Protein backbone atom coordinates (compact mmCIF):
# COMPACT_ATOMS: atom_id res chain seq x y z
CA MET A 1 146.78 135.45 71.78
CA HIS A 2 145.52 133.53 74.55
CA HIS A 3 141.64 133.50 75.43
CA ARG A 4 140.16 133.00 78.84
CA ASN A 5 137.22 130.80 79.29
CA HIS A 6 135.08 133.56 80.89
CA ARG A 7 132.53 131.36 82.49
CA PRO A 8 130.39 132.73 85.47
CA ARG A 9 131.48 131.57 89.00
CA PHE A 10 128.36 131.46 90.22
CA GLY A 11 124.96 129.51 88.55
CA ASP A 12 122.04 131.77 87.56
CA PRO A 13 120.34 133.17 90.88
CA LEU A 14 117.21 132.54 89.23
CA GLN A 15 117.68 128.92 89.04
CA LEU A 16 117.29 128.84 93.18
CA PHE A 17 114.04 130.72 93.20
CA PRO A 18 112.60 126.86 92.61
CA ARG A 19 114.79 125.35 95.02
CA VAL A 20 113.39 127.63 97.38
CA LEU A 21 109.86 127.17 96.98
CA THR A 22 110.31 123.46 97.25
CA LYS A 23 112.27 123.60 99.98
CA LEU A 24 109.27 125.93 101.67
CA PHE A 25 106.75 123.65 100.45
CA SER A 26 108.45 120.72 101.65
CA ILE A 27 108.71 122.17 104.87
CA TRP A 28 104.72 123.33 104.67
CA VAL A 29 103.32 120.07 104.02
CA SER A 30 105.54 118.31 106.50
CA LEU A 31 104.22 120.43 109.20
CA THR A 32 100.34 120.73 108.30
CA TYR A 33 99.49 117.54 106.23
CA PRO A 34 98.43 114.28 108.56
CA PHE A 35 100.41 111.87 107.29
CA ALA A 36 100.19 108.38 108.80
CA SER A 37 103.57 108.42 109.00
CA LYS A 38 106.61 110.78 107.68
CA GLY A 39 110.45 110.51 107.84
CA ARG A 40 113.05 112.97 107.76
CA ASN A 41 114.23 114.82 104.77
CA VAL A 42 111.13 114.14 102.57
CA SER A 43 110.86 116.86 99.48
CA PHE A 44 108.09 117.68 97.80
CA HIS A 45 108.50 119.89 94.93
CA PHE A 46 106.40 122.77 94.83
CA THR A 47 104.21 121.79 92.10
CA SER A 48 103.84 118.26 93.29
CA GLU A 49 100.21 117.18 94.44
CA VAL A 50 98.69 115.40 97.73
CA GLU A 51 95.54 116.19 98.99
CA ARG A 52 95.77 117.16 102.38
CA GLN A 53 92.53 115.27 103.71
CA ARG A 54 93.87 111.76 102.39
CA ALA A 55 97.48 112.30 103.68
CA THR A 56 96.03 109.73 106.59
CA ARG A 57 96.55 107.07 104.17
CA ILE A 58 99.92 107.64 102.98
CA SER A 59 103.48 106.61 104.67
CA LEU A 60 106.44 107.96 103.90
CA GLY A 61 109.89 106.80 104.82
CA ASN A 62 112.97 109.24 105.05
CA SER A 63 114.82 110.58 102.16
CA VAL A 64 111.58 110.42 99.61
CA SER A 65 111.28 112.79 97.00
CA LEU A 66 108.20 113.86 95.04
CA ARG A 67 109.61 115.70 91.60
CA LYS A 68 108.11 118.13 89.29
CA ASP A 69 104.06 117.43 88.94
CA ALA A 70 104.20 114.20 90.86
CA TRP A 71 100.84 113.16 92.24
CA LEU A 72 100.08 110.80 95.32
CA ASN A 73 96.42 110.11 94.95
CA VAL A 74 94.34 108.03 97.44
CA ALA A 75 91.22 106.61 95.90
CA THR A 76 89.20 105.95 98.67
CA GLU A 77 86.83 108.59 100.40
CA ASP A 78 87.54 106.55 103.71
CA PRO A 79 90.19 108.40 106.05
CA THR A 80 90.71 105.71 108.34
CA GLY A 81 92.56 102.39 108.13
CA GLU A 82 96.04 101.27 107.10
CA PRO A 83 97.79 103.35 104.52
CA VAL A 84 96.87 102.62 100.92
CA ILE A 85 100.32 104.30 99.70
CA VAL A 86 103.36 103.26 101.64
CA ILE A 87 106.89 104.58 100.33
CA ASP A 88 110.08 103.30 101.91
CA ASP A 89 113.47 104.75 102.53
CA ASN A 90 115.31 106.54 99.57
CA CYS A 91 112.37 106.39 97.04
CA HIS A 92 112.27 109.04 94.29
CA ILE A 93 109.00 109.66 92.20
CA GLY A 94 110.03 111.21 88.89
CA TYR A 95 108.41 114.28 87.28
CA GLY A 96 104.50 113.84 85.86
CA SER A 97 104.48 110.59 87.73
CA ILE A 98 101.10 109.06 89.29
CA ILE A 99 100.34 106.64 92.20
CA SER A 100 97.18 106.06 92.74
CA ALA A 101 96.12 103.49 95.05
CA LYS A 102 92.44 102.43 96.54
CA ASN A 103 93.79 99.29 98.01
CA ARG A 104 97.77 98.99 98.65
CA ILE A 105 101.09 100.34 96.87
CA HIS A 106 104.29 99.65 98.53
CA LEU A 107 107.63 100.99 97.01
CA GLU A 108 110.11 99.06 98.70
CA ARG A 109 113.36 101.41 99.68
CA ASP A 110 115.89 102.69 96.89
CA VAL A 111 112.96 102.51 94.12
CA LEU A 112 113.25 105.12 91.62
CA VAL A 113 110.34 105.67 89.69
CA GLY A 114 111.04 107.12 86.27
CA GLN A 115 109.26 110.44 84.61
CA GLN A 116 105.51 110.37 83.96
CA VAL A 117 104.91 106.76 85.04
CA LEU A 118 101.79 105.80 86.06
CA ILE A 119 101.43 103.27 89.20
CA VAL A 120 97.35 102.11 89.83
CA ASP A 121 95.92 98.93 91.52
CA HIS A 122 92.94 100.02 90.42
CA ASN A 123 91.16 100.63 87.40
CA HIS A 124 88.07 102.37 85.63
CA ALA A 125 85.34 99.76 85.56
CA TYR A 126 84.00 99.11 82.09
CA ASP A 127 81.84 95.77 82.40
CA ASP A 128 78.47 97.73 81.32
CA ILE A 129 78.43 98.45 77.52
CA THR A 130 75.15 100.28 77.97
CA VAL A 131 76.79 102.76 80.81
CA PRO A 132 79.32 105.19 79.92
CA VAL A 133 82.70 104.21 81.65
CA ALA A 134 82.83 107.78 83.41
CA HIS A 135 79.73 106.82 85.42
CA GLN A 136 81.00 103.11 86.41
CA GLY A 137 83.40 103.86 88.85
CA ILE A 138 86.30 102.34 89.43
CA THR A 139 87.35 98.35 90.00
CA GLU A 140 87.61 96.44 93.38
CA GLY A 141 91.37 96.56 92.69
CA GLY A 142 94.71 94.54 93.76
CA ARG A 143 97.87 95.39 95.41
CA VAL A 144 100.81 96.52 93.99
CA ARG A 145 104.42 95.52 95.64
CA ILE A 146 107.53 96.99 94.05
CA GLY A 147 110.95 95.20 95.48
CA GLN A 148 113.78 97.03 96.94
CA GLY A 149 116.09 98.99 94.32
CA CYS A 150 113.60 98.64 91.34
CA TRP A 151 114.00 101.31 88.86
CA ILE A 152 110.76 102.34 87.01
CA GLY A 153 111.71 103.70 83.62
CA ARG A 154 110.14 106.43 81.88
CA GLY A 155 106.50 106.22 80.83
CA ALA A 156 105.73 103.00 82.47
CA ALA A 157 102.63 102.16 83.56
CA ILE A 158 102.02 99.52 86.17
CA ILE A 159 98.16 98.61 86.48
CA CYS A 160 96.59 96.05 88.94
CA ALA A 161 93.20 95.66 88.24
CA ARG A 162 92.63 92.98 90.61
CA GLY A 163 94.88 90.28 92.71
CA GLU A 164 98.59 91.09 93.85
CA LEU A 165 101.12 92.39 91.63
CA THR A 166 105.03 92.07 92.86
CA ILE A 167 107.90 93.13 91.13
CA GLY A 168 110.75 91.59 92.70
CA ARG A 169 114.08 92.95 93.98
CA ASN A 170 116.67 95.18 91.88
CA CYS A 171 114.43 94.57 88.92
CA VAL A 172 113.89 97.21 85.96
CA VAL A 173 110.64 97.96 84.31
CA GLY A 174 111.48 98.87 80.77
CA ILE A 175 110.81 102.71 79.24
CA ASN A 176 107.16 102.81 77.90
CA SER A 177 106.55 99.37 79.32
CA VAL A 178 102.81 98.05 80.50
């Protein structure tokens, strides 16, 4: 007796629902958020987070994608000035990742940011031991540049509390490294 493999010819139709939501959310964000600049084919998962009022300080290239629960945070109240988050063409931000910039974080072309990665150009101030950290604000910070073609592994933390931090082209930042 010969058994045929009876796999469904089509995927689960409910799998389309999140993709449709992401497409609609991407269109909505692209049309209504005042980015400093925004390329074509930008994708925002419907659970990703970007604050509309601070989008003026974010510049996105072509074919940039933010996966589930990714967050682009502009850590300054000033809506004017140069973009503090610059993401060039073909960059992908993995699920649960956070990019938080006060001064400047620049991802050059073709950077892959894994899942649950933290990239910040500032830190919480903690110089005064008599004051709770939550009440000390954030540091002046530095600037981060991640070179073209890099891969940032899952759980990595790139923290630049001051100065300049540059990761060269085509580098790998290993999983869970700081």
